[in-house]
């Protein structure tokens, strides 16, 4: 549990920045899940749910 807490704490402090490797649309969520389960990605996988187009999603800049 301590390791998971530390892994969450470091990005919030801005000490590390997770890499976003790919973004899927909501209709491609099944493919995103498959890629994660099979280890076919490097970094974070994002599913865009509410953004009308690329680059218009919500960003959390909180420390």
PDB file of N, CA and C in Angstrom:
ATOM      1  N   UNK A   1       0.821  -1.190   0.000  1.00  0.00           N
ATOM      2  CA  UNK A   1       0.000   0.000   0.000  1.00  0.00           C
ATOM      3  C   UNK A   1       0.869   1.258   0.000  1.00  0.00           C
ATOM      4  N   UNK A   2       1.970   1.244   0.701  1.00  0.00           N
ATOM      5  CA  UNK A   2       2.863   2.408   0.750  1.00  0.00           C
ATOM      6  C   UNK A   2       3.420   2.715  -0.640  1.00  0.00           C
ATOM      7  N   UNK A   3       3.717   1.677  -1.399  1.00  0.00           N
ATOM      8  CA  UNK A   3       4.253   1.876  -2.751  1.00  0.00           C
ATOM      9  C   UNK A   3       3.213   2.546  -3.654  1.00  0.00           C
ATOM     10  N   UNK A   4       1.957   2.126  -3.551  1.00  0.00           N
ATOM     11  CA  UNK A   4       0.891   2.733  -4.350  1.00  0.00           C
ATOM     12  C   UNK A   4       0.687   4.190  -3.958  1.00  0.00           C
ATOM     13  N   UNK A   5       0.760   4.471  -2.675  1.00  0.00           N
ATOM     14  CA  UNK A   5       0.619   5.854  -2.199  1.00  0.00           C
ATOM     15  C   UNK A   5       1.743   6.723  -2.760  1.00  0.00           C
ATOM     16  N   UNK A   6       2.946   6.217  -2.743  1.00  0.00           N
ATOM     17  CA  UNK A   6       4.099   6.964  -3.255  1.00  0.00           C
ATOM     18  C   UNK A   6       3.973   7.179  -4.765  1.00  0.00           C
ATOM     19  N   UNK A   7       3.486   6.167  -5.481  1.00  0.00           N
ATOM     20  CA  UNK A   7       3.309   6.285  -6.930  1.00  0.00           C
ATOM     21  C   UNK A   7       2.266   7.342  -7.276  1.00  0.00           C
ATOM     22  N   UNK A   8       1.301   7.547  -6.408  1.00  0.00           N
ATOM     23  CA  UNK A   8       0.289   8.584  -6.611  1.00  0.00           C
ATOM     24  C   UNK A   8       0.802   9.955  -6.183  1.00  0.00           C
ATOM     25  N   UNK A   9       1.622   9.988  -5.164  1.00  0.00           N
ATOM     26  CA  UNK A   9       2.107  11.245  -4.598  1.00  0.00           C
ATOM     27  C   UNK A   9       3.090  11.967  -5.522  1.00  0.00           C
ATOM     28  N   UNK A  10       3.996  11.258  -6.125  1.00  0.00           N
ATOM     29  CA  UNK A  10       5.044  11.882  -6.936  1.00  0.00           C
ATOM     30  C   UNK A  10       4.507  12.691  -8.122  1.00  0.00           C
ATOM     31  N   UNK A  11       3.546  12.184  -8.892  1.00  0.00           N
ATOM     32  CA  UNK A  11       2.996  13.020  -9.968  1.00  0.00           C
ATOM     33  C   UNK A  11       2.271  14.259  -9.433  1.00  0.00           C
ATOM     34  N   UNK A  12       1.545  14.112  -8.325  1.00  0.00           N
ATOM     35  CA  UNK A  12       0.834  15.260  -7.757  1.00  0.00           C
ATOM     36  C   UNK A  12       1.794  16.357  -7.333  1.00  0.00           C
ATOM     37  N   UNK A  13       2.983  15.992  -6.902  1.00  0.00           N
ATOM     38  CA  UNK A  13       3.988  16.969  -6.497  1.00  0.00           C
ATOM     39  C   UNK A  13       4.769  17.522  -7.687  1.00  0.00           C
ATOM     40  N   UNK A  14       4.534  16.970  -8.862  1.00  0.00           N
ATOM     41  CA  UNK A  14       5.246  17.419 -10.056  1.00  0.00           C
ATOM     42  C   UNK A  14       6.655  16.870 -10.155  1.00  0.00           C
ATOM     43  N   UNK A  15       6.951  15.835  -9.366  1.00  0.00           N
ATOM     44  CA  UNK A  15       8.296  15.255  -9.368  1.00  0.00           C
ATOM     45  C   UNK A  15       8.500  14.308 -10.548  1.00  0.00           C
ATOM     46  N   UNK A  16       7.420  13.708 -11.019  1.00  0.00           N
ATOM     47  CA  UNK A  16       7.470  12.877 -12.219  1.00  0.00           C
ATOM     48  C   UNK A  16       6.229  13.187 -13.052  1.00  0.00           C
ATOM     49  N   UNK A  17       6.307  12.949 -14.335  1.00  0.00           N
ATOM     50  CA  UNK A  17       5.170  13.180 -15.231  1.00  0.00           C
ATOM     51  C   UNK A  17       4.906  11.908 -16.023  1.00  0.00           C
ATOM     52  N   UNK A  18       3.762  11.262 -15.797  1.00  0.00           N
ATOM     53  CA  UNK A  18       3.439  10.057 -16.551  1.00  0.00           C
ATOM     54  C   UNK A  18       3.365  10.352 -18.049  1.00  0.00           C
ATOM     55  N   UNK A  19       3.778   9.414 -18.861  1.00  0.00           N
ATOM     56  CA  UNK A  19       3.759   9.558 -20.308  1.00  0.00           C
ATOM     57  C   UNK A  19       2.443   9.034 -20.857  1.00  0.00           C
ATOM     58  N   UNK A  20       1.754   9.857 -21.626  1.00  0.00           N
ATOM     59  CA  UNK A  20       0.525   9.432 -22.295  1.00  0.00           C
ATOM     60  C   UNK A  20       0.922   8.860 -23.645  1.00  0.00           C
ATOM     61  N   UNK A  21       0.701   7.557 -23.824  1.00  0.00           N
ATOM     62  CA  UNK A  21       1.155   6.915 -25.053  1.00  0.00           C
ATOM     63  C   UNK A  21       0.103   6.899 -26.151  1.00  0.00           C
ATOM     64  N   UNK A  22      -1.171   6.840 -25.770  1.00  0.00           N
ATOM     65  CA  UNK A  22      -2.224   6.764 -26.787  1.00  0.00           C
ATOM     66  C   UNK A  22      -3.547   7.229 -26.180  1.00  0.00           C
ATOM     67  N   UNK A  23      -4.389   7.808 -27.035  1.00  0.00           N
ATOM     68  CA  UNK A  23      -5.735   8.208 -26.626  1.00  0.00           C
ATOM     69  C   UNK A  23      -6.741   7.497 -27.517  1.00  0.00           C
ATOM     70  N   UNK A  24      -7.731   6.881 -26.888  1.00  0.00           N
ATOM     71  CA  UNK A  24      -8.806   6.202 -27.603  1.00  0.00           C
ATOM     72  C   UNK A  24     -10.090   7.004 -27.453  1.00  0.00           C
ATOM     73  N   UNK A  25     -10.987   6.873 -28.422  1.00  0.00           N
ATOM     74  CA  UNK A  25     -12.319   7.456 -28.276  1.00  0.00           C
ATOM     75  C   UNK A  25     -13.142   6.523 -27.393  1.00  0.00           C
ATOM     76  N   UNK A  26     -14.265   7.012 -26.907  1.00  0.00           N
ATOM     77  CA  UNK A  26     -15.116   6.186 -26.054  1.00  0.00           C
ATOM     78  C   UNK A  26     -15.594   4.942 -26.794  1.00  0.00           C
ATOM     79  N   UNK A  27     -15.834   5.060 -28.086  1.00  0.00           N
ATOM     80  CA  UNK A  27     -16.282   3.896 -28.860  1.00  0.00           C
ATOM     81  C   UNK A  27     -15.176   2.853 -29.011  1.00  0.00           C
ATOM     82  N   UNK A  28     -13.927   3.246 -28.764  1.00  0.00           N
ATOM     83  CA  UNK A  28     -12.790   2.322 -28.858  1.00  0.00           C
ATOM     84  C   UNK A  28     -12.340   1.819 -27.484  1.00  0.00           C
ATOM     85  N   UNK A  29     -13.171   2.002 -26.457  1.00  0.00           N
ATOM     86  CA  UNK A  29     -12.785   1.627 -25.092  1.00  0.00           C
ATOM     87  C   UNK A  29     -12.445   0.142 -24.975  1.00  0.00           C
ATOM     88  N   UNK A  30     -13.139  -0.693 -25.717  1.00  0.00           N
ATOM     89  CA  UNK A  30     -12.836  -2.124 -25.694  1.00  0.00           C
ATOM     90  C   UNK A  30     -11.424  -2.405 -26.186  1.00  0.00           C
ATOM     91  N   UNK A  31     -11.022  -1.734 -27.250  1.00  0.00           N
ATOM     92  CA  UNK A  31      -9.665  -1.883 -27.775  1.00  0.00           C
ATOM     93  C   UNK A  31      -8.625  -1.365 -26.804  1.00  0.00           C
ATOM     94  N   UNK A  32      -8.967  -0.286 -26.097  1.00  0.00           N
ATOM     95  CA  UNK A  32      -8.053   0.264 -25.089  1.00  0.00           C
ATOM     96  C   UNK A  32      -7.851  -0.740 -23.961  1.00  0.00           C
ATOM     97  N   UNK A  33      -8.937  -1.336 -23.512  1.00  0.00           N
ATOM     98  CA  UNK A  33      -8.863  -2.337 -22.446  1.00  0.00           C
ATOM     99  C   UNK A  33      -8.023  -3.525 -22.887  1.00  0.00           C
ATOM    100  N   UNK A  34      -8.230  -3.961 -24.104  1.00  0.00           N
ATOM    101  CA  UNK A  34      -7.458  -5.095 -24.641  1.00  0.00           C
ATOM    102  C   UNK A  34      -5.968  -4.761 -24.683  1.00  0.00           C
ATOM    103  N   UNK A  35      -5.623  -3.574 -25.159  1.00  0.00           N
ATOM    104  CA  UNK A  35      -4.218  -3.171 -25.245  1.00  0.00           C
ATOM    105  C   UNK A  35      -3.560  -3.161 -23.867  1.00  0.00           C
ATOM    106  N   UNK A  36      -4.291  -2.671 -22.863  1.00  0.00           N
ATOM    107  CA  UNK A  36      -3.743  -2.640 -21.504  1.00  0.00           C
ATOM    108  C   UNK A  36      -3.570  -4.055 -20.967  1.00  0.00           C
ATOM    109  N   UNK A  37      -4.573  -4.890 -21.137  1.00  0.00           N
ATOM    110  CA  UNK A  37      -4.501  -6.268 -20.623  1.00  0.00           C
ATOM    111  C   UNK A  37      -3.370  -7.059 -21.262  1.00  0.00           C
ATOM    112  N   UNK A  38      -3.099  -6.798 -22.541  1.00  0.00           N
ATOM    113  CA  UNK A  38      -2.055  -7.532 -23.257  1.00  0.00           C
ATOM    114  C   UNK A  38      -0.685  -6.867 -23.156  1.00  0.00           C
ATOM    115  N   UNK A  39      -0.621  -5.731 -22.467  1.00  0.00           N
ATOM    116  CA  UNK A  39       0.659  -5.036 -22.316  1.00  0.00           C
ATOM    117  C   UNK A  39       1.167  -4.440 -23.616  1.00  0.00           C
ATOM    118  N   UNK A  40       0.256  -4.029 -24.488  1.00  0.00           N
ATOM    119  CA  UNK A  40       0.632  -3.485 -25.792  1.00  0.00           C
ATOM    120  C   UNK A  40       0.819  -1.971 -25.776  1.00  0.00           C
ATOM    121  N   UNK A  41       1.075  -1.410 -24.636  1.00  0.00           N
ATOM    122  CA  UNK A  41       1.236   0.040 -24.530  1.00  0.00           C
ATOM    123  C   UNK A  41       2.435   0.353 -23.648  1.00  0.00           C
ATOM    124  N   UNK A  42       2.938   1.553 -23.787  1.00  0.00           N
ATOM    125  CA  UNK A  42       3.994   2.067 -22.915  1.00  0.00           C
ATOM    126  C   UNK A  42       3.461   3.379 -22.371  1.00  0.00           C
ATOM    127  N   UNK A  43       3.413   3.545 -21.081  1.00  0.00           N
ATOM    128  CA  UNK A  43       2.865   4.766 -20.496  1.00  0.00           C
ATOM    129  C   UNK A  43       1.377   4.639 -20.250  1.00  0.00           C
ATOM    130  N   UNK A  44       0.728   5.777 -20.148  1.00  0.00           N
ATOM    131  CA  UNK A  44      -0.698   5.830 -19.828  1.00  0.00           C
ATOM    132  C   UNK A  44      -1.551   5.724 -21.082  1.00  0.00           C
ATOM    133  N   UNK A  45      -2.729   5.144 -20.918  1.00  0.00           N
ATOM    134  CA  UNK A  45      -3.717   5.046 -21.979  1.00  0.00           C
ATOM    135  C   UNK A  45      -4.900   5.914 -21.566  1.00  0.00           C
ATOM    136  N   UNK A  46      -5.368   6.752 -22.475  1.00  0.00           N
ATOM    137  CA  UNK A  46      -6.466   7.676 -22.197  1.00  0.00           C
ATOM    138  C   UNK A  46      -7.675   7.318 -23.048  1.00  0.00           C
ATOM    139  N   UNK A  47      -8.866   7.482 -22.455  1.00  0.00           N
ATOM    140  CA  UNK A  47     -10.109   7.328 -23.201  1.00  0.00           C
ATOM    141  C   UNK A  47     -10.820   8.675 -23.157  1.00  0.00           C
ATOM    142  N   UNK A  48     -11.005   9.266 -24.325  1.00  0.00           N
ATOM    143  CA  UNK A  48     -11.651  10.570 -24.436  1.00  0.00           C
ATOM    144  C   UNK A  48     -13.162  10.379 -24.422  1.00  0.00           C
ATOM    145  N   UNK A  49     -13.812  10.950 -23.406  1.00  0.00           N
ATOM    146  CA  UNK A  49     -15.254  10.744 -23.247  1.00  0.00           C
ATOM    147  C   UNK A  49     -16.096  11.963 -23.587  1.00  0.00           C
ATOM    148  N   UNK A  50     -15.646  13.151 -23.229  1.00  0.00           N
ATOM    149  CA  UNK A  50     -16.484  14.339 -23.371  1.00  0.00           C
ATOM    150  C   UNK A  50     -15.935  15.396 -24.319  1.00  0.00           C
ATOM    151  N   UNK A  51     -14.686  15.289 -24.711  1.00  0.00           N
ATOM    152  CA  UNK A  51     -14.072  16.311 -25.563  1.00  0.00           C
ATOM    153  C   UNK A  51     -14.644  16.231 -26.978  1.00  0.00           C
ATOM    154  N   UNK A  52     -15.030  17.373 -27.564  1.00  0.00           N
ATOM    155  CA  UNK A  52     -15.571  17.364 -28.924  1.00  0.00           C
ATOM    156  C   UNK A  52     -14.518  17.046 -29.989  1.00  0.00           C
ATOM    157  N   UNK A  53     -13.230  17.285 -29.678  1.00  0.00           N
ATOM    158  CA  UNK A  53     -12.150  16.937 -30.599  1.00  0.00           C
ATOM    159  C   UNK A  53     -10.842  16.850 -29.819  1.00  0.00           C
ATOM    160  N   UNK A  54      -9.808  16.333 -30.467  1.00  0.00           N
ATOM    161  CA  UNK A  54      -8.509  16.182 -29.815  1.00  0.00           C
ATOM    162  C   UNK A  54      -8.020  17.517 -29.266  1.00  0.00           C
ATOM    163  N   UNK A  55      -7.410  17.472 -28.096  1.00  0.00           N
ATOM    164  CA  UNK A  55      -6.836  18.663 -27.491  1.00  0.00           C
ATOM    165  C   UNK A  55      -7.817  19.516 -26.709  1.00  0.00           C
ATOM    166  N   UNK A  56      -9.080  19.105 -26.641  1.00  0.00           N
ATOM    167  CA  UNK A  56     -10.081  19.901 -25.942  1.00  0.00           C
ATOM    168  C   UNK A  56     -10.594  19.232 -24.673  1.00  0.00           C
ATOM    169  N   UNK A  57      -9.870  18.261 -24.166  1.00  0.00           N
ATOM    170  CA  UNK A  57     -10.276  17.577 -22.945  1.00  0.00           C
ATOM    171  C   UNK A  57      -9.954  18.386 -21.708  1.00  0.00           C
ATOM    172  N   UNK A  58     -10.353  17.865 -20.579  1.00  0.00           N
ATOM    173  CA  UNK A  58     -10.094  18.511 -19.295  1.00  0.00           C
ATOM    174  C   UNK A  58      -8.693  18.155 -18.843  1.00  0.00           C
ATOM    175  N   UNK A  59      -7.948  19.140 -18.406  1.00  0.00           N
ATOM    176  CA  UNK A  59      -6.609  18.916 -17.872  1.00  0.00           C
ATOM    177  C   UNK A  59      -6.590  19.316 -16.411  1.00  0.00           C
ATOM    178  N   UNK A  60      -5.959  18.511 -15.584  1.00  0.00           N
ATOM    179  CA  UNK A  60      -5.854  18.794 -14.154  1.00  0.00           C
ATOM    180  C   UNK A  60      -4.446  19.284 -13.876  1.00  0.00           C
ATOM    181  N   UNK A  61      -4.305  20.559 -13.616  1.00  0.00           N
ATOM    182  CA  UNK A  61      -2.996  21.151 -13.351  1.00  0.00           C
ATOM    183  C   UNK A  61      -2.740  21.326 -11.860  1.00  0.00           C
ATOM    184  N   UNK A  62      -3.573  20.723 -11.034  1.00  0.00           N
ATOM    185  CA  UNK A  62      -3.407  20.856  -9.584  1.00  0.00           C
ATOM    186  C   UNK A  62      -2.129  20.161  -9.136  1.00  0.00           C
ATOM    187  N   UNK A  63      -1.443  20.728  -8.155  1.00  0.00           N
ATOM    188  CA  UNK A  63      -0.208  20.091  -7.658  1.00  0.00           C
ATOM    189  C   UNK A  63      -0.498  18.824  -6.896  1.00  0.00           C
TER     190      UNK A  63
END
